[in-house]
């Protein structure tokens, strides 16, 4: 159950556009807006490239980057497959 309210003001044209898009997807305005906002928020968070670590965590991070990759049989099988456009 949703309990946190989010209120905002929009121009009538914006509201109408949002309502139209929501109806095309069979959603109500709230569900559509919440889904769109969450998708955008996730993209913003995932695009962050700056993060800070203390000296110990940074060394662990560097060690992981410098370590040789582990064998991955699933990935090896995937790379062994011929691409659909190369099968003809």
PDB file of N, CA and C in Angstrom:
ATOM      1  N   UNK A   1       0.842  -1.181   0.000  1.00  0.00           N
ATOM      2  CA  UNK A   1       0.000   0.000   0.000  1.00  0.00           C
ATOM      3  C   UNK A   1       0.881   1.236   0.000  1.00  0.00           C
ATOM      4  N   UNK A   2       0.601   2.132  -0.892  1.00  0.00           N
ATOM      5  CA  UNK A   2       1.357   3.377  -0.969  1.00  0.00           C
ATOM      6  C   UNK A   2       0.880   4.340   0.113  1.00  0.00           C
ATOM      7  N   UNK A   3       1.835   4.930   0.828  1.00  0.00           N
ATOM      8  CA  UNK A   3       1.462   5.848   1.900  1.00  0.00           C
ATOM      9  C   UNK A   3       2.123   7.217   1.771  1.00  0.00           C
ATOM     10  N   UNK A   4       3.149   7.353   0.951  1.00  0.00           N
ATOM     11  CA  UNK A   4       3.848   8.624   0.803  1.00  0.00           C
ATOM     12  C   UNK A   4       3.234   9.411  -0.347  1.00  0.00           C
ATOM     13  N   UNK A   5       2.827  10.637  -0.071  1.00  0.00           N
ATOM     14  CA  UNK A   5       2.225  11.488  -1.095  1.00  0.00           C
ATOM     15  C   UNK A   5       3.299  12.287  -1.819  1.00  0.00           C
ATOM     16  N   UNK A   6       3.123  12.431  -3.128  1.00  0.00           N
ATOM     17  CA  UNK A   6       3.974  13.290  -3.952  1.00  0.00           C
ATOM     18  C   UNK A   6       3.023  14.203  -4.711  1.00  0.00           C
ATOM     19  N   UNK A   7       3.132  15.492  -4.485  1.00  0.00           N
ATOM     20  CA  UNK A   7       2.249  16.452  -5.145  1.00  0.00           C
ATOM     21  C   UNK A   7       3.059  17.335  -6.072  1.00  0.00           C
ATOM     22  N   UNK A   8       2.482  17.667  -7.232  1.00  0.00           N
ATOM     23  CA  UNK A   8       3.130  18.590  -8.135  1.00  0.00           C
ATOM     24  C   UNK A   8       2.090  19.309  -8.971  1.00  0.00           C
ATOM     25  N   UNK A   9       2.499  20.413  -9.527  1.00  0.00           N
ATOM     26  CA  UNK A   9       1.622  21.210 -10.382  1.00  0.00           C
ATOM     27  C   UNK A   9       2.107  21.076 -11.822  1.00  0.00           C
ATOM     28  N   UNK A  10       1.163  21.034 -12.747  1.00  0.00           N
ATOM     29  CA  UNK A  10       1.499  20.909 -14.161  1.00  0.00           C
ATOM     30  C   UNK A  10       0.578  21.807 -14.977  1.00  0.00           C
ATOM     31  N   UNK A  11       1.035  22.135 -16.159  1.00  0.00           N
ATOM     32  CA  UNK A  11       0.173  22.848 -17.100  1.00  0.00           C
ATOM     33  C   UNK A  11      -0.902  21.885 -17.589  1.00  0.00           C
ATOM     34  N   UNK A  12      -2.063  22.392 -17.949  1.00  0.00           N
ATOM     35  CA  UNK A  12      -3.112  21.498 -18.459  1.00  0.00           C
ATOM     36  C   UNK A  12      -2.642  20.661 -19.652  1.00  0.00           C
ATOM     37  N   UNK A  13      -1.807  21.261 -20.513  1.00  0.00           N
ATOM     38  CA  UNK A  13      -1.308  20.517 -21.680  1.00  0.00           C
ATOM     39  C   UNK A  13      -0.411  19.362 -21.242  1.00  0.00           C
ATOM     40  N   UNK A  14       0.386  19.586 -20.215  1.00  0.00           N
ATOM     41  CA  UNK A  14       1.253  18.522 -19.706  1.00  0.00           C
ATOM     42  C   UNK A  14       0.408  17.399 -19.109  1.00  0.00           C
ATOM     43  N   UNK A  15      -0.577  17.777 -18.310  1.00  0.00           N
ATOM     44  CA  UNK A  15      -1.457  16.779 -17.706  1.00  0.00           C
ATOM     45  C   UNK A  15      -2.157  15.960 -18.781  1.00  0.00           C
ATOM     46  N   UNK A  16      -2.662  16.642 -19.818  1.00  0.00           N
ATOM     47  CA  UNK A  16      -3.371  15.944 -20.893  1.00  0.00           C
ATOM     48  C   UNK A  16      -2.449  14.981 -21.636  1.00  0.00           C
ATOM     49  N   UNK A  17      -1.225  15.409 -21.881  1.00  0.00           N
ATOM     50  CA  UNK A  17      -0.263  14.537 -22.549  1.00  0.00           C
ATOM     51  C   UNK A  17       0.034  13.307 -21.697  1.00  0.00           C
ATOM     52  N   UNK A  18       0.254  13.529 -20.407  1.00  0.00           N
ATOM     53  CA  UNK A  18       0.528  12.417 -19.489  1.00  0.00           C
ATOM     54  C   UNK A  18      -0.659  11.467 -19.431  1.00  0.00           C
ATOM     55  N   UNK A  19      -1.853  12.030 -19.340  1.00  0.00           N
ATOM     56  CA  UNK A  19      -3.055  11.194 -19.300  1.00  0.00           C
ATOM     57  C   UNK A  19      -3.204  10.373 -20.576  1.00  0.00           C
ATOM     58  N   UNK A  20      -2.920  10.999 -21.713  1.00  0.00           N
ATOM     59  CA  UNK A  20      -3.036  10.278 -22.991  1.00  0.00           C
ATOM     60  C   UNK A  20      -2.034   9.132 -23.055  1.00  0.00           C
ATOM     61  N   UNK A  21      -0.792   9.417 -22.693  1.00  0.00           N
ATOM     62  CA  UNK A  21       0.234   8.366 -22.716  1.00  0.00           C
ATOM     63  C   UNK A  21      -0.113   7.249 -21.753  1.00  0.00           C
ATOM     64  N   UNK A  22      -0.590   7.614 -20.558  1.00  0.00           N
ATOM     65  CA  UNK A  22      -0.967   6.595 -19.571  1.00  0.00           C
ATOM     66  C   UNK A  22      -2.083   5.718 -20.110  1.00  0.00           C
ATOM     67  N   UNK A  23      -3.069   6.343 -20.746  1.00  0.00           N
ATOM     68  CA  UNK A  23      -4.194   5.558 -21.259  1.00  0.00           C
ATOM     69  C   UNK A  23      -3.756   4.611 -22.368  1.00  0.00           C
ATOM     70  N   UNK A  24      -2.769   5.039 -23.176  1.00  0.00           N
ATOM     71  CA  UNK A  24      -2.257   4.155 -24.229  1.00  0.00           C
ATOM     72  C   UNK A  24      -1.634   2.890 -23.648  1.00  0.00           C
ATOM     73  N   UNK A  25      -1.106   3.006 -22.430  1.00  0.00           N
ATOM     74  CA  UNK A  25      -0.494   1.851 -21.765  1.00  0.00           C
ATOM     75  C   UNK A  25      -1.449   1.156 -20.809  1.00  0.00           C
ATOM     76  N   UNK A  26      -2.671   1.648 -20.734  1.00  0.00           N
ATOM     77  CA  UNK A  26      -3.652   1.039 -19.827  1.00  0.00           C
ATOM     78  C   UNK A  26      -3.344   1.327 -18.368  1.00  0.00           C
ATOM     79  N   UNK A  27      -2.747   2.474 -18.107  1.00  0.00           N
ATOM     80  CA  UNK A  27      -2.384   2.830 -16.736  1.00  0.00           C
ATOM     81  C   UNK A  27      -3.113   4.100 -16.336  1.00  0.00           C
ATOM     82  N   UNK A  28      -3.185   4.328 -15.036  1.00  0.00           N
ATOM     83  CA  UNK A  28      -3.713   5.601 -14.577  1.00  0.00           C
ATOM     84  C   UNK A  28      -2.563   6.598 -14.482  1.00  0.00           C
ATOM     85  N   UNK A  29      -2.902   7.853 -14.287  1.00  0.00           N
ATOM     86  CA  UNK A  29      -1.896   8.916 -14.259  1.00  0.00           C
ATOM     87  C   UNK A  29      -0.849   8.669 -13.182  1.00  0.00           C
ATOM     88  N   UNK A  30      -1.287   8.317 -11.989  1.00  0.00           N
ATOM     89  CA  UNK A  30      -0.338   8.119 -10.887  1.00  0.00           C
ATOM     90  C   UNK A  30       0.643   6.996 -11.184  1.00  0.00           C
ATOM     91  N   UNK A  31       0.128   5.857 -11.636  1.00  0.00           N
ATOM     92  CA  UNK A  31       1.017   4.728 -11.939  1.00  0.00           C
ATOM     93  C   UNK A  31       1.994   5.088 -13.049  1.00  0.00           C
ATOM     94  N   UNK A  32       1.489   5.758 -14.079  1.00  0.00           N
ATOM     95  CA  UNK A  32       2.342   6.148 -15.198  1.00  0.00           C
ATOM     96  C   UNK A  32       3.444   7.101 -14.741  1.00  0.00           C
ATOM     97  N   UNK A  33       3.071   8.121 -13.987  1.00  0.00           N
ATOM     98  CA  UNK A  33       4.050   9.112 -13.545  1.00  0.00           C
ATOM     99  C   UNK A  33       5.057   8.518 -12.575  1.00  0.00           C
ATOM    100  N   UNK A  34       4.598   7.677 -11.676  1.00  0.00           N
ATOM    101  CA  UNK A  34       5.510   7.062 -10.726  1.00  0.00           C
ATOM    102  C   UNK A  34       6.505   6.148 -11.433  1.00  0.00           C
ATOM    103  N   UNK A  35       6.015   5.371 -12.387  1.00  0.00           N
ATOM    104  CA  UNK A  35       6.907   4.487 -13.139  1.00  0.00           C
ATOM    105  C   UNK A  35       7.930   5.297 -13.936  1.00  0.00           C
ATOM    106  N   UNK A  36       7.476   6.343 -14.620  1.00  0.00           N
ATOM    107  CA  UNK A  36       8.381   7.173 -15.416  1.00  0.00           C
ATOM    108  C   UNK A  36       9.411   7.863 -14.527  1.00  0.00           C
ATOM    109  N   UNK A  37       8.969   8.388 -13.397  1.00  0.00           N
ATOM    110  CA  UNK A  37       9.892   9.073 -12.490  1.00  0.00           C
ATOM    111  C   UNK A  37      10.914   8.102 -11.914  1.00  0.00           C
ATOM    112  N   UNK A  38      10.478   6.916 -11.559  1.00  0.00           N
ATOM    113  CA  UNK A  38      11.409   5.924 -11.001  1.00  0.00           C
ATOM    114  C   UNK A  38      12.424   5.461 -12.046  1.00  0.00           C
ATOM    115  N   UNK A  39      11.980   5.273 -13.289  1.00  0.00           N
ATOM    116  CA  UNK A  39      12.917   4.892 -14.349  1.00  0.00           C
ATOM    117  C   UNK A  39      13.975   5.973 -14.541  1.00  0.00           C
ATOM    118  N   UNK A  40      13.551   7.222 -14.544  1.00  0.00           N
ATOM    119  CA  UNK A  40      14.496   8.329 -14.710  1.00  0.00           C
ATOM    120  C   UNK A  40      15.427   8.429 -13.512  1.00  0.00           C
ATOM    121  N   UNK A  41      14.884   8.252 -12.315  1.00  0.00           N
ATOM    122  CA  UNK A  41      15.705   8.319 -11.107  1.00  0.00           C
ATOM    123  C   UNK A  41      16.761   7.218 -11.115  1.00  0.00           C
ATOM    124  N   UNK A  42      16.382   6.012 -11.519  1.00  0.00           N
ATOM    125  CA  UNK A  42      17.349   4.924 -11.601  1.00  0.00           C
ATOM    126  C   UNK A  42      18.451   5.254 -12.596  1.00  0.00           C
ATOM    127  N   UNK A  43      18.085   5.819 -13.737  1.00  0.00           N
ATOM    128  CA  UNK A  43      19.081   6.176 -14.744  1.00  0.00           C
ATOM    129  C   UNK A  43      20.059   7.211 -14.197  1.00  0.00           C
ATOM    130  N   UNK A  44      19.560   8.188 -13.488  1.00  0.00           N
ATOM    131  CA  UNK A  44      20.425   9.216 -12.910  1.00  0.00           C
ATOM    132  C   UNK A  44      21.385   8.600 -11.904  1.00  0.00           C
ATOM    133  N   UNK A  45      20.860   7.753 -11.033  1.00  0.00           N
ATOM    134  CA  UNK A  45      21.702   7.119 -10.016  1.00  0.00           C
ATOM    135  C   UNK A  45      22.755   6.232 -10.672  1.00  0.00           C
ATOM    136  N   UNK A  46      22.354   5.462 -11.673  1.00  0.00           N
ATOM    137  CA  UNK A  46      23.297   4.557 -12.330  1.00  0.00           C
ATOM    138  C   UNK A  46      24.343   5.292 -13.162  1.00  0.00           C
ATOM    139  N   UNK A  47      24.048   6.511 -13.565  1.00  0.00           N
ATOM    140  CA  UNK A  47      25.004   7.296 -14.348  1.00  0.00           C
ATOM    141  C   UNK A  47      26.063   7.975 -13.498  1.00  0.00           C
ATOM    142  N   UNK A  48      25.946   7.881 -12.209  1.00  0.00           N
ATOM    143  CA  UNK A  48      26.929   8.529 -11.344  1.00  0.00           C
ATOM    144  C   UNK A  48      28.266   7.812 -11.472  1.00  0.00           C
ATOM    145  N   UNK A  49      29.294   8.557 -11.737  1.00  0.00           N
ATOM    146  CA  UNK A  49      30.614   7.956 -11.913  1.00  0.00           C
ATOM    147  C   UNK A  49      31.573   8.342 -10.796  1.00  0.00           C
ATOM    148  N   UNK A  50      31.182   9.267  -9.948  1.00  0.00           N
ATOM    149  CA  UNK A  50      32.048   9.695  -8.856  1.00  0.00           C
ATOM    150  C   UNK A  50      31.597   9.036  -7.562  1.00  0.00           C
ATOM    151  N   UNK A  51      32.487   8.344  -6.933  1.00  0.00           N
ATOM    152  CA  UNK A  51      32.197   7.768  -5.625  1.00  0.00           C
ATOM    153  C   UNK A  51      33.475   7.800  -4.813  1.00  0.00           C
ATOM    154  N   UNK A  52      33.327   7.872  -3.521  1.00  0.00           N
ATOM    155  CA  UNK A  52      34.508   7.960  -2.659  1.00  0.00           C
ATOM    156  C   UNK A  52      34.624   6.706  -1.807  1.00  0.00           C
ATOM    157  N   UNK A  53      35.859   6.316  -1.576  1.00  0.00           N
ATOM    158  CA  UNK A  53      36.160   5.151  -0.753  1.00  0.00           C
ATOM    159  C   UNK A  53      37.297   5.507   0.191  1.00  0.00           C
ATOM    160  N   UNK A  54      37.283   4.867   1.355  1.00  0.00           N
ATOM    161  CA  UNK A  54      38.442   5.046   2.230  1.00  0.00           C
ATOM    162  C   UNK A  54      39.613   4.263   1.624  1.00  0.00           C
ATOM    163  N   UNK A  55      40.787   4.425   2.173  1.00  0.00           N
ATOM    164  CA  UNK A  55      41.996   3.830   1.593  1.00  0.00           C
ATOM    165  C   UNK A  55      41.902   2.309   1.473  1.00  0.00           C
ATOM    166  N   UNK A  56      41.356   1.647   2.502  1.00  0.00           N
ATOM    167  CA  UNK A  56      41.258   0.182   2.460  1.00  0.00           C
ATOM    168  C   UNK A  56      40.289  -0.283   1.368  1.00  0.00           C
ATOM    169  N   UNK A  57      39.130   0.350   1.298  1.00  0.00           N
ATOM    170  CA  UNK A  57      38.139  -0.034   0.281  1.00  0.00           C
ATOM    171  C   UNK A  57      38.662   0.274  -1.121  1.00  0.00           C
ATOM    172  N   UNK A  58      39.375   1.392  -1.265  1.00  0.00           N
ATOM    173  CA  UNK A  58      39.937   1.719  -2.563  1.00  0.00           C
ATOM    174  C   UNK A  58      40.948   0.660  -2.996  1.00  0.00           C
ATOM    175  N   UNK A  59      41.786   0.192  -2.075  1.00  0.00           N
ATOM    176  CA  UNK A  59      42.765  -0.830  -2.417  1.00  0.00           C
ATOM    177  C   UNK A  59      42.060  -2.130  -2.807  1.00  0.00           C
ATOM    178  N   UNK A  60      40.993  -2.485  -2.095  1.00  0.00           N
ATOM    179  CA  UNK A  60      40.223  -3.679  -2.471  1.00  0.00           C
ATOM    180  C   UNK A  60      39.658  -3.521  -3.881  1.00  0.00           C
ATOM    181  N   UNK A  61      39.159  -2.331  -4.182  1.00  0.00           N
ATOM    182  CA  UNK A  61      38.607  -2.049  -5.506  1.00  0.00           C
ATOM    183  C   UNK A  61      39.687  -2.194  -6.580  1.00  0.00           C
ATOM    184  N   UNK A  62      40.849  -1.609  -6.358  1.00  0.00           N
ATOM    185  CA  UNK A  62      41.947  -1.692  -7.315  1.00  0.00           C
ATOM    186  C   UNK A  62      42.389  -3.139  -7.493  1.00  0.00           C
ATOM    187  N   UNK A  63      42.460  -3.881  -6.395  1.00  0.00           N
ATOM    188  CA  UNK A  63      42.853  -5.289  -6.478  1.00  0.00           C
ATOM    189  C   UNK A  63      41.870  -6.088  -7.331  1.00  0.00           C
ATOM    190  N   UNK A  64      40.586  -5.816  -7.171  1.00  0.00           N
ATOM    191  CA  UNK A  64      39.578  -6.498  -7.989  1.00  0.00           C
ATOM    192  C   UNK A  64      39.733  -6.148  -9.468  1.00  0.00           C
ATOM    193  N   UNK A  65      40.001  -4.892  -9.757  1.00  0.00           N
ATOM    194  CA  UNK A  65      40.190  -4.483 -11.153  1.00  0.00           C
ATOM    195  C   UNK A  65      41.438  -5.102 -11.754  1.00  0.00           C
ATOM    196  N   UNK A  66      42.483  -5.248 -10.960  1.00  0.00           N
ATOM    197  CA  UNK A  66      43.749  -5.775 -11.455  1.00  0.00           C
ATOM    198  C   UNK A  66      43.780  -7.302 -11.524  1.00  0.00           C
ATOM    199  N   UNK A  67      42.875  -7.960 -10.838  1.00  0.00           N
ATOM    200  CA  UNK A  67      42.870  -9.428 -10.816  1.00  0.00           C
ATOM    201  C   UNK A  67      42.486  -9.970 -12.191  1.00  0.00           C
ATOM    202  N   UNK A  68      43.064 -11.104 -12.575  1.00  0.00           N
ATOM    203  CA  UNK A  68      42.676 -11.703 -13.859  1.00  0.00           C
ATOM    204  C   UNK A  68      41.214 -12.143 -13.800  1.00  0.00           C
ATOM    205  N   UNK A  69      40.524 -12.082 -14.917  1.00  0.00           N
ATOM    206  CA  UNK A  69      39.112 -12.483 -14.905  1.00  0.00           C
ATOM    207  C   UNK A  69      38.966 -13.965 -14.605  1.00  0.00           C
ATOM    208  N   UNK A  70      37.899 -14.300 -13.911  1.00  0.00           N
ATOM    209  CA  UNK A  70      37.612 -15.701 -13.622  1.00  0.00           C
ATOM    210  C   UNK A  70      36.965 -16.342 -14.842  1.00  0.00           C
ATOM    211  N   UNK A  71      37.158 -17.637 -14.979  1.00  0.00           N
ATOM    212  CA  UNK A  71      36.569 -18.373 -16.096  1.00  0.00           C
ATOM    213  C   UNK A  71      35.053 -18.350 -15.948  1.00  0.00           C
ATOM    214  N   UNK A  72      34.367 -18.112 -17.061  1.00  0.00           N
ATOM    215  CA  UNK A  72      32.912 -18.045 -17.058  1.00  0.00           C
ATOM    216  C   UNK A  72      32.387 -18.922 -18.194  1.00  0.00           C
ATOM    217  N   UNK A  73      32.039 -20.186 -17.885  1.00  0.00           N
ATOM    218  CA  UNK A  73      31.594 -21.101 -18.947  1.00  0.00           C
ATOM    219  C   UNK A  73      30.365 -20.594 -19.699  1.00  0.00           C
ATOM    220  N   UNK A  74      29.436 -19.956 -19.010  1.00  0.00           N
ATOM    221  CA  UNK A  74      28.242 -19.440 -19.679  1.00  0.00           C
ATOM    222  C   UNK A  74      28.588 -18.371 -20.701  1.00  0.00           C
ATOM    223  N   UNK A  75      29.500 -17.501 -20.344  1.00  0.00           N
ATOM    224  CA  UNK A  75      29.922 -16.457 -21.265  1.00  0.00           C
ATOM    225  C   UNK A  75      30.693 -17.055 -22.441  1.00  0.00           C
ATOM    226  N   UNK A  76      31.479 -18.073 -22.170  1.00  0.00           N
ATOM    227  CA  UNK A  76      32.214 -18.740 -23.247  1.00  0.00           C
ATOM    228  C   UNK A  76      31.246 -19.385 -24.239  1.00  0.00           C
ATOM    229  N   UNK A  77      30.177 -20.019 -23.731  1.00  0.00           N
ATOM    230  CA  UNK A  77      29.165 -20.610 -24.612  1.00  0.00           C
ATOM    231  C   UNK A  77      28.488 -19.518 -25.448  1.00  0.00           C
ATOM    232  N   UNK A  78      28.173 -18.397 -24.820  1.00  0.00           N
ATOM    233  CA  UNK A  78      27.520 -17.307 -25.529  1.00  0.00           C
ATOM    234  C   UNK A  78      28.399 -16.788 -26.663  1.00  0.00           C
ATOM    235  N   UNK A  79      29.674 -16.571 -26.385  1.00  0.00           N
ATOM    236  CA  UNK A  79      30.575 -16.068 -27.420  1.00  0.00           C
ATOM    237  C   UNK A  79      30.811 -17.088 -28.524  1.00  0.00           C
ATOM    238  N   UNK A  80      30.609 -18.366 -28.237  1.00  0.00           N
ATOM    239  CA  UNK A  80      30.813 -19.406 -29.245  1.00  0.00           C
ATOM    240  C   UNK A  80      29.643 -19.492 -30.220  1.00  0.00           C
ATOM    241  N   UNK A  81      28.492 -18.918 -29.863  1.00  0.00           N
ATOM    242  CA  UNK A  81      27.327 -18.957 -30.752  1.00  0.00           C
ATOM    243  C   UNK A  81      27.533 -18.057 -31.954  1.00  0.00           C
ATOM    244  N   UNK A  82      27.023 -18.504 -33.072  1.00  0.00           N
ATOM    245  CA  UNK A  82      27.097 -17.698 -34.280  1.00  0.00           C
ATOM    246  C   UNK A  82      25.927 -16.723 -34.259  1.00  0.00           C
ATOM    247  N   UNK A  83      26.183 -15.468 -34.605  1.00  0.00           N
ATOM    248  CA  UNK A  83      25.143 -14.455 -34.620  1.00  0.00           C
ATOM    249  C   UNK A  83      24.096 -14.795 -35.674  1.00  0.00           C
ATOM    250  N   UNK A  84      22.826 -14.508 -35.427  1.00  0.00           N
ATOM    251  CA  UNK A  84      21.764 -14.836 -36.396  1.00  0.00           C
ATOM    252  C   UNK A  84      22.026 -14.247 -37.781  1.00  0.00           C
ATOM    253  N   UNK A  85      22.613 -13.055 -37.841  1.00  0.00           N
ATOM    254  CA  UNK A  85      22.859 -12.435 -39.141  1.00  0.00           C
ATOM    255  C   UNK A  85      24.060 -13.047 -39.854  1.00  0.00           C
ATOM    256  N   UNK A  86      24.864 -13.859 -39.127  1.00  0.00           N
ATOM    257  CA  UNK A  86      25.999 -14.536 -39.752  1.00  0.00           C
ATOM    258  C   UNK A  86      25.664 -15.961 -40.179  1.00  0.00           C
ATOM    259  N   UNK A  87      24.448 -16.427 -39.892  1.00  0.00           N
ATOM    260  CA  UNK A  87      24.093 -17.819 -40.193  1.00  0.00           C
ATOM    261  C   UNK A  87      23.711 -18.020 -41.644  1.00  0.00           C
ATOM    262  N   UNK A  88      23.349 -16.971 -42.335  1.00  0.00           N
ATOM    263  CA  UNK A  88      22.889 -17.127 -43.711  1.00  0.00           C
ATOM    264  C   UNK A  88      23.996 -17.422 -44.678  1.00  0.00           C
TER     265      UNK A  88
END
